């Protein structure tokens, strides 16, 4: 029996801070107790980021709480975790991050249909303050229009 995509954690701040250009689905290297902890939804992705070092992509500042029924073998909750991508994709991302000044931002962590943990990362460009204000104004105006249409239909 296949499951649908089950979300674990999201980085909601990323959509406010960055303009998302392209997204990638990556695997992540975890220990068994970390996966069990994720099944209990013990993950925080606030202020997390991805870096490319020596041809490998590393996920930083993701807090996966220790498994509640684990033992002394529980790994450090804030350790760096390796992301799994094809070499060609890593080279392409490294080139764009280096030359164009883009950033690799993790958007969400989820279980795919096969029960494997996946991380969605995005190639993103930082927003300026006026861009943030414009997106907030657009969101507010959209909310007002929806509210007015809802009132009108009653």
N, C-alpha and C. Protein backbone atom coordinates (compact mmCIF):
# COMPACT_ATOMS: atom_id res chain seq x y z
N UNK A 1 0.84 -1.18 0.00
CA UNK A 1 0.00 0.00 0.00
C UNK A 1 0.88 1.24 0.00
N UNK A 2 0.70 2.11 -0.96
CA UNK A 2 1.49 3.34 -1.07
C UNK A 2 0.81 4.48 -0.35
N UNK A 3 1.62 5.29 0.33
CA UNK A 3 1.10 6.46 1.02
C UNK A 3 1.31 7.70 0.17
N UNK A 4 0.60 8.75 0.50
CA UNK A 4 0.86 10.01 -0.17
C UNK A 4 2.00 10.71 0.55
N UNK A 5 2.42 11.82 -0.01
CA UNK A 5 3.54 12.58 0.54
C UNK A 5 3.15 13.13 1.91
N UNK A 6 3.88 12.73 2.95
CA UNK A 6 3.56 13.11 4.32
C UNK A 6 4.59 14.13 4.81
N UNK A 7 4.15 15.35 5.06
CA UNK A 7 5.05 16.43 5.43
C UNK A 7 5.53 16.29 6.87
N UNK A 8 6.81 16.57 7.10
CA UNK A 8 7.40 16.53 8.43
C UNK A 8 7.59 17.94 8.95
N UNK A 9 8.29 18.78 8.17
CA UNK A 9 8.57 20.15 8.58
C UNK A 9 8.69 21.03 7.36
N UNK A 10 8.37 22.33 7.55
CA UNK A 10 8.48 23.30 6.46
C UNK A 10 9.25 24.51 6.94
N UNK A 11 9.93 25.15 6.00
CA UNK A 11 10.66 26.38 6.28
C UNK A 11 9.83 27.52 5.69
N UNK A 12 8.83 27.97 6.44
CA UNK A 12 7.92 29.00 5.94
C UNK A 12 8.61 30.34 5.76
N UNK A 13 9.64 30.57 6.55
CA UNK A 13 10.38 31.83 6.47
C UNK A 13 11.09 31.99 5.12
N UNK A 14 11.41 30.87 4.47
CA UNK A 14 12.14 30.91 3.21
C UNK A 14 11.35 31.62 2.12
N UNK A 15 10.04 31.42 2.09
CA UNK A 15 9.22 32.06 1.06
C UNK A 15 9.13 33.57 1.27
N UNK A 16 9.30 34.02 2.51
CA UNK A 16 9.29 35.45 2.79
C UNK A 16 10.65 36.08 2.51
N UNK A 17 11.71 35.37 2.82
CA UNK A 17 13.06 35.92 2.70
C UNK A 17 13.66 35.78 1.31
N UNK A 18 13.20 34.79 0.53
CA UNK A 18 13.83 34.49 -0.75
C UNK A 18 12.83 34.41 -1.88
N UNK A 19 13.32 34.68 -3.07
CA UNK A 19 12.56 34.47 -4.30
C UNK A 19 12.98 33.10 -4.83
N UNK A 20 12.07 32.16 -4.89
CA UNK A 20 12.37 30.78 -5.28
C UNK A 20 12.46 30.69 -6.80
N UNK A 21 13.60 30.19 -7.30
CA UNK A 21 13.81 30.09 -8.74
C UNK A 21 13.62 28.67 -9.26
N UNK A 22 14.17 27.69 -8.56
CA UNK A 22 14.10 26.30 -9.00
C UNK A 22 14.16 25.39 -7.77
N UNK A 23 13.42 24.29 -7.80
CA UNK A 23 13.42 23.39 -6.65
C UNK A 23 13.97 22.02 -7.05
N UNK A 24 14.55 21.33 -6.07
CA UNK A 24 15.12 20.00 -6.26
C UNK A 24 14.69 19.10 -5.12
N UNK A 25 14.42 17.83 -5.43
CA UNK A 25 14.14 16.84 -4.40
C UNK A 25 15.43 16.09 -4.12
N UNK A 26 15.84 16.06 -2.86
CA UNK A 26 17.08 15.39 -2.49
C UNK A 26 16.81 14.35 -1.42
N UNK A 27 17.68 13.36 -1.38
CA UNK A 27 17.68 12.41 -0.29
C UNK A 27 18.53 12.98 0.84
N UNK A 28 18.50 12.37 2.00
CA UNK A 28 19.28 12.83 3.14
C UNK A 28 19.83 11.62 3.88
N UNK A 29 21.06 11.75 4.36
CA UNK A 29 21.70 10.66 5.11
C UNK A 29 21.33 10.82 6.58
N UNK A 30 20.62 9.83 7.11
CA UNK A 30 20.16 9.85 8.51
C UNK A 30 20.49 8.53 9.19
N UNK A 31 20.47 8.56 10.52
CA UNK A 31 20.59 7.31 11.28
C UNK A 31 19.19 6.79 11.57
N UNK A 32 19.09 5.56 12.05
CA UNK A 32 17.78 4.95 12.31
C UNK A 32 16.97 5.69 13.34
N UNK A 33 17.62 6.15 14.42
CA UNK A 33 16.87 6.85 15.47
C UNK A 33 16.40 8.21 15.00
N UNK A 34 17.12 8.82 14.06
CA UNK A 34 16.67 10.11 13.52
C UNK A 34 15.39 9.92 12.71
N UNK A 35 15.31 8.84 11.95
CA UNK A 35 14.10 8.57 11.16
C UNK A 35 12.92 8.31 12.09
N UNK A 36 13.15 7.58 13.17
CA UNK A 36 12.08 7.32 14.13
C UNK A 36 11.61 8.62 14.77
N UNK A 37 12.56 9.51 15.07
CA UNK A 37 12.21 10.80 15.64
C UNK A 37 11.40 11.63 14.64
N UNK A 38 11.76 11.55 13.35
CA UNK A 38 11.01 12.28 12.33
C UNK A 38 9.59 11.73 12.19
N UNK A 39 9.42 10.43 12.39
CA UNK A 39 8.07 9.86 12.33
C UNK A 39 7.20 10.41 13.46
N UNK A 40 7.83 10.87 14.55
CA UNK A 40 7.10 11.52 15.65
C UNK A 40 7.00 13.04 15.44
N UNK A 41 7.41 13.52 14.25
CA UNK A 41 7.38 14.95 13.88
C UNK A 41 8.21 15.83 14.81
N UNK A 42 9.42 15.37 15.14
CA UNK A 42 10.32 16.17 15.97
C UNK A 42 11.42 16.77 15.10
N UNK A 43 11.07 17.82 14.36
CA UNK A 43 12.04 18.46 13.47
C UNK A 43 11.74 19.95 13.38
N UNK A 44 12.82 20.77 13.39
CA UNK A 44 12.68 22.21 13.22
C UNK A 44 13.61 22.67 12.10
N UNK A 45 13.05 23.39 11.14
CA UNK A 45 13.83 23.84 9.99
C UNK A 45 14.00 25.36 9.95
N UNK A 46 13.81 26.04 11.07
CA UNK A 46 13.97 27.50 11.06
C UNK A 46 15.46 27.83 10.93
N UNK A 47 15.77 28.81 10.11
CA UNK A 47 17.13 29.30 9.88
C UNK A 47 18.08 28.22 9.37
N UNK A 48 17.57 27.24 8.63
CA UNK A 48 18.45 26.22 8.08
C UNK A 48 18.91 26.64 6.69
N UNK A 49 20.03 26.09 6.27
CA UNK A 49 20.60 26.41 4.97
C UNK A 49 21.42 25.24 4.47
N UNK A 50 21.72 25.24 3.18
CA UNK A 50 22.53 24.19 2.57
C UNK A 50 23.79 24.80 1.98
N UNK A 51 24.90 24.09 2.12
CA UNK A 51 26.18 24.54 1.57
C UNK A 51 26.78 23.43 0.72
N UNK A 52 27.56 23.85 -0.28
CA UNK A 52 28.27 22.89 -1.11
C UNK A 52 29.74 22.95 -0.72
N UNK A 53 30.27 21.81 -0.23
CA UNK A 53 31.67 21.71 0.19
C UNK A 53 32.27 20.45 -0.43
N UNK A 54 33.35 20.61 -1.18
CA UNK A 54 34.09 19.49 -1.77
C UNK A 54 33.19 18.57 -2.60
N UNK A 55 32.30 19.16 -3.38
CA UNK A 55 31.46 18.36 -4.25
C UNK A 55 30.32 17.64 -3.55
N UNK A 56 30.03 18.02 -2.30
CA UNK A 56 28.93 17.42 -1.55
C UNK A 56 28.04 18.54 -1.00
N UNK A 57 26.77 18.26 -0.87
CA UNK A 57 25.82 19.24 -0.34
C UNK A 57 25.52 18.87 1.11
N UNK A 58 25.66 19.85 2.01
CA UNK A 58 25.44 19.63 3.45
C UNK A 58 24.31 20.51 3.95
N UNK A 59 23.47 19.94 4.78
CA UNK A 59 22.34 20.64 5.38
C UNK A 59 22.73 21.06 6.79
N UNK A 60 22.64 22.34 7.09
CA UNK A 60 23.05 22.89 8.38
C UNK A 60 21.86 23.48 9.13
N UNK A 61 21.97 23.51 10.46
CA UNK A 61 20.99 24.14 11.36
C UNK A 61 19.61 23.48 11.33
N UNK A 62 19.53 22.21 11.01
CA UNK A 62 18.27 21.49 11.14
C UNK A 62 18.32 20.73 12.45
N UNK A 63 17.32 20.94 13.29
CA UNK A 63 17.28 20.29 14.59
C UNK A 63 16.32 19.12 14.55
N UNK A 64 16.86 17.90 14.67
CA UNK A 64 16.05 16.70 14.78
C UNK A 64 16.23 16.21 16.21
N UNK A 65 15.18 16.34 17.01
CA UNK A 65 15.26 15.99 18.43
C UNK A 65 15.62 14.53 18.60
N UNK A 66 16.33 14.19 19.69
CA UNK A 66 16.66 12.78 19.93
C UNK A 66 15.39 11.94 20.07
N UNK A 67 15.47 10.71 19.60
CA UNK A 67 14.34 9.78 19.66
C UNK A 67 14.00 9.50 21.12
N UNK A 68 12.71 9.56 21.43
CA UNK A 68 12.26 9.43 22.82
C UNK A 68 12.61 8.10 23.44
N UNK A 69 12.62 7.02 22.65
CA UNK A 69 12.95 5.69 23.18
C UNK A 69 14.36 5.26 22.79
N UNK A 70 15.19 6.23 22.42
CA UNK A 70 16.55 5.92 22.00
C UNK A 70 17.46 5.68 23.20
N UNK A 71 18.71 5.38 22.91
CA UNK A 71 19.67 5.15 23.98
C UNK A 71 20.83 6.13 23.84
N UNK A 72 21.99 5.79 24.37
CA UNK A 72 23.13 6.71 24.31
C UNK A 72 23.69 6.84 22.90
N UNK A 73 23.23 6.01 21.99
CA UNK A 73 23.70 6.07 20.60
C UNK A 73 22.96 7.12 19.78
N UNK A 74 22.05 7.89 20.39
CA UNK A 74 21.36 8.95 19.65
C UNK A 74 22.40 9.96 19.15
N UNK A 75 22.33 10.34 17.87
CA UNK A 75 23.30 11.31 17.34
C UNK A 75 23.00 12.73 17.83
N UNK A 76 23.95 13.62 17.60
CA UNK A 76 23.79 15.03 17.96
C UNK A 76 22.61 15.61 17.18
N UNK A 77 21.65 16.27 17.85
CA UNK A 77 20.45 16.76 17.15
C UNK A 77 20.74 17.87 16.14
N UNK A 78 21.85 18.59 16.30
CA UNK A 78 22.13 19.72 15.41
C UNK A 78 23.29 19.46 14.45
N UNK A 79 23.62 18.21 14.22
CA UNK A 79 24.77 17.91 13.37
C UNK A 79 24.48 18.24 11.91
N UNK A 80 25.54 18.38 11.12
CA UNK A 80 25.39 18.59 9.68
C UNK A 80 24.99 17.27 9.05
N UNK A 81 24.09 17.34 8.08
CA UNK A 81 23.62 16.13 7.41
C UNK A 81 23.85 16.25 5.91
N UNK A 82 24.29 15.17 5.32
CA UNK A 82 24.62 15.16 3.90
C UNK A 82 23.35 14.98 3.07
N UNK A 83 23.23 15.79 2.01
CA UNK A 83 22.12 15.66 1.07
C UNK A 83 22.60 14.89 -0.15
N UNK A 84 21.72 14.09 -0.73
CA UNK A 84 22.08 13.23 -1.84
C UNK A 84 21.52 13.76 -3.15
N UNK A 85 22.44 14.15 -4.03
CA UNK A 85 22.09 14.63 -5.37
C UNK A 85 23.05 13.99 -6.37
N UNK A 86 22.72 14.03 -7.65
CA UNK A 86 23.63 13.56 -8.68
C UNK A 86 24.78 14.56 -8.82
N UNK A 87 25.95 14.07 -9.18
CA UNK A 87 27.13 14.93 -9.33
C UNK A 87 26.88 16.06 -10.31
N UNK A 88 26.18 15.75 -11.39
CA UNK A 88 25.89 16.76 -12.41
C UNK A 88 25.04 17.89 -11.81
N UNK A 89 24.06 17.52 -10.99
CA UNK A 89 23.22 18.54 -10.34
C UNK A 89 24.05 19.37 -9.37
N UNK A 90 24.92 18.71 -8.61
CA UNK A 90 25.74 19.43 -7.64
C UNK A 90 26.66 20.42 -8.34
N UNK A 91 27.28 19.99 -9.46
CA UNK A 91 28.15 20.91 -10.20
C UNK A 91 27.38 22.11 -10.73
N UNK A 92 26.20 21.86 -11.26
CA UNK A 92 25.36 22.94 -11.79
C UNK A 92 24.98 23.93 -10.67
N UNK A 93 24.55 23.39 -9.51
CA UNK A 93 24.18 24.24 -8.39
C UNK A 93 25.37 25.03 -7.87
N UNK A 94 26.53 24.38 -7.76
CA UNK A 94 27.73 25.05 -7.26
C UNK A 94 28.12 26.21 -8.17
N UNK A 95 28.00 25.99 -9.46
CA UNK A 95 28.33 27.03 -10.43
C UNK A 95 27.39 28.23 -10.28
N UNK A 96 26.09 27.96 -10.14
CA UNK A 96 25.13 29.06 -10.03
C UNK A 96 25.26 29.79 -8.70
N UNK A 97 25.52 29.07 -7.62
CA UNK A 97 25.67 29.70 -6.31
C UNK A 97 26.91 30.59 -6.30
N UNK A 98 27.99 30.10 -6.94
CA UNK A 98 29.26 30.84 -6.94
C UNK A 98 29.20 32.07 -7.83
N UNK A 99 28.69 31.92 -9.06
CA UNK A 99 28.73 33.01 -10.03
C UNK A 99 27.61 34.02 -9.83
N UNK A 100 26.39 33.57 -9.65
CA UNK A 100 25.25 34.48 -9.65
C UNK A 100 24.83 34.92 -8.26
N UNK A 101 25.46 34.38 -7.23
CA UNK A 101 25.12 34.81 -5.87
C UNK A 101 23.80 34.27 -5.35
N UNK A 102 23.37 33.13 -5.86
CA UNK A 102 22.16 32.50 -5.36
C UNK A 102 22.46 31.75 -4.07
N UNK A 103 21.41 31.30 -3.40
CA UNK A 103 21.56 30.53 -2.17
C UNK A 103 20.78 29.23 -2.30
N UNK A 104 21.23 28.20 -1.58
CA UNK A 104 20.50 26.94 -1.50
C UNK A 104 19.71 26.94 -0.21
N UNK A 105 18.38 26.92 -0.33
CA UNK A 105 17.52 27.03 0.84
C UNK A 105 16.63 25.80 0.93
N UNK A 106 16.66 25.08 2.05
CA UNK A 106 15.74 23.97 2.24
C UNK A 106 14.31 24.48 2.47
N UNK A 107 13.34 23.93 1.75
CA UNK A 107 11.96 24.38 1.87
C UNK A 107 11.14 23.47 2.77
N UNK A 108 11.26 22.16 2.57
CA UNK A 108 10.48 21.25 3.41
C UNK A 108 11.14 19.88 3.47
N UNK A 109 10.74 19.14 4.49
CA UNK A 109 11.19 17.77 4.68
C UNK A 109 9.94 16.91 4.75
N UNK A 110 9.97 15.77 4.06
CA UNK A 110 8.77 14.93 4.01
C UNK A 110 9.14 13.49 3.76
N UNK A 111 8.18 12.60 4.00
CA UNK A 111 8.30 11.20 3.63
C UNK A 111 7.66 11.04 2.26
N UNK A 112 8.38 10.40 1.32
CA UNK A 112 7.77 10.18 0.00
C UNK A 112 6.88 8.94 0.04
N UNK A 113 6.38 8.52 -1.11
CA UNK A 113 5.43 7.41 -1.17
C UNK A 113 6.03 6.11 -0.66
N UNK A 114 7.35 5.95 -0.77
CA UNK A 114 8.02 4.73 -0.34
C UNK A 114 8.46 4.79 1.12
N UNK A 115 8.14 5.86 1.82
CA UNK A 115 8.50 6.00 3.22
C UNK A 115 9.90 6.51 3.45
N UNK A 116 10.56 7.02 2.41
CA UNK A 116 11.91 7.57 2.55
C UNK A 116 11.83 9.06 2.85
N UNK A 117 12.79 9.55 3.64
CA UNK A 117 12.82 10.96 3.98
C UNK A 117 13.45 11.73 2.83
N UNK A 118 12.78 12.76 2.37
CA UNK A 118 13.27 13.61 1.29
C UNK A 118 13.28 15.05 1.77
N UNK A 119 14.19 15.84 1.20
CA UNK A 119 14.27 17.27 1.50
C UNK A 119 14.13 18.01 0.19
N UNK A 120 13.25 18.99 0.15
CA UNK A 120 13.10 19.82 -1.03
C UNK A 120 13.93 21.07 -0.82
N UNK A 121 14.96 21.25 -1.67
CA UNK A 121 15.78 22.45 -1.58
C UNK A 121 15.49 23.32 -2.79
N UNK A 122 15.78 24.60 -2.64
CA UNK A 122 15.50 25.53 -3.72
C UNK A 122 16.71 26.38 -4.01
N UNK A 123 16.90 26.68 -5.27
CA UNK A 123 17.86 27.67 -5.69
C UNK A 123 17.12 29.00 -5.59
N UNK A 124 17.61 29.89 -4.73
CA UNK A 124 16.84 31.10 -4.43
C UNK A 124 17.72 32.34 -4.44
N UNK A 125 17.06 33.46 -4.65
CA UNK A 125 17.72 34.76 -4.62
C UNK A 125 17.10 35.54 -3.47
N UNK A 126 17.93 36.17 -2.66
CA UNK A 126 17.43 36.94 -1.52
C UNK A 126 16.58 38.12 -1.96
N UNK A 127 15.49 38.35 -1.24
CA UNK A 127 14.61 39.47 -1.56
C UNK A 127 15.12 40.74 -0.87
N UNK A 128 14.93 41.85 -1.52
CA UNK A 128 15.20 43.15 -0.91
C UNK A 128 13.99 43.52 -0.06
N UNK A 129 14.13 44.54 0.77
CA UNK A 129 13.06 44.94 1.67
C UNK A 129 11.82 45.36 0.89
N UNK A 130 12.02 46.09 -0.22
CA UNK A 130 10.85 46.54 -0.99
C UNK A 130 10.15 45.36 -1.67
N UNK A 131 10.90 44.31 -2.02
CA UNK A 131 10.26 43.12 -2.58
C UNK A 131 9.38 42.44 -1.54
N UNK A 132 9.86 42.38 -0.29
CA UNK A 132 9.09 41.77 0.79
C UNK A 132 7.80 42.56 1.02
N UNK A 133 7.93 43.89 1.00
CA UNK A 133 6.73 44.72 1.19
C UNK A 133 5.74 44.51 0.07
N UNK A 134 6.23 44.41 -1.16
CA UNK A 134 5.34 44.21 -2.32
C UNK A 134 4.62 42.87 -2.21
N UNK A 135 5.34 41.81 -1.82
CA UNK A 135 4.69 40.51 -1.71
C UNK A 135 3.68 40.50 -0.56
N UNK A 136 3.98 41.20 0.52
CA UNK A 136 3.02 41.30 1.64
C UNK A 136 1.78 42.06 1.20
N UNK A 137 1.96 43.15 0.43
CA UNK A 137 0.82 43.94 -0.05
C UNK A 137 -0.03 43.11 -1.00
N UNK A 138 0.60 42.34 -1.89
CA UNK A 138 -0.15 41.50 -2.82
C UNK A 138 -0.94 40.44 -2.07
N UNK A 139 -0.34 39.86 -1.05
CA UNK A 139 -1.03 38.83 -0.26
C UNK A 139 -2.22 39.45 0.47
N UNK A 140 -2.04 40.65 1.04
CA UNK A 140 -3.13 41.31 1.75
C UNK A 140 -4.27 41.67 0.81
N UNK A 141 -3.94 42.18 -0.38
CA UNK A 141 -5.00 42.55 -1.32
C UNK A 141 -5.75 41.31 -1.81
N UNK A 142 -5.03 40.21 -2.01
CA UNK A 142 -5.68 38.96 -2.42
C UNK A 142 -6.64 38.49 -1.33
N UNK A 143 -6.22 38.61 -0.08
CA UNK A 143 -7.06 38.21 1.05
C UNK A 143 -8.31 39.08 1.10
N UNK A 144 -8.16 40.38 0.86
CA UNK A 144 -9.31 41.30 0.87
C UNK A 144 -10.30 40.95 -0.24
N UNK A 145 -9.79 40.63 -1.42
CA UNK A 145 -10.66 40.28 -2.55
C UNK A 145 -11.43 39.01 -2.23
N UNK A 146 -10.74 38.00 -1.68
CA UNK A 146 -11.41 36.75 -1.33
C UNK A 146 -12.48 36.99 -0.27
N UNK A 147 -12.18 37.84 0.70
CA UNK A 147 -13.12 38.15 1.75
C UNK A 147 -14.38 38.84 1.16
N UNK A 148 -14.14 39.79 0.25
CA UNK A 148 -15.26 40.51 -0.37
C UNK A 148 -16.13 39.55 -1.20
N UNK A 149 -15.48 38.65 -1.95
CA UNK A 149 -16.25 37.69 -2.75
C UNK A 149 -17.05 36.74 -1.86
N UNK A 150 -16.48 36.38 -0.72
CA UNK A 150 -17.19 35.50 0.20
C UNK A 150 -18.42 36.20 0.77
N UNK A 151 -18.27 37.47 1.14
CA UNK A 151 -19.38 38.26 1.67
C UNK A 151 -20.47 38.43 0.61
N UNK A 152 -20.05 38.63 -0.63
CA UNK A 152 -20.99 38.88 -1.72
C UNK A 152 -21.82 37.61 -2.02
N UNK A 153 -21.18 36.45 -1.87
CA UNK A 153 -21.88 35.21 -2.20
C UNK A 153 -22.87 34.79 -1.11
N UNK A 154 -22.83 35.40 0.05
CA UNK A 154 -23.76 35.03 1.13
C UNK A 154 -25.13 35.57 0.93
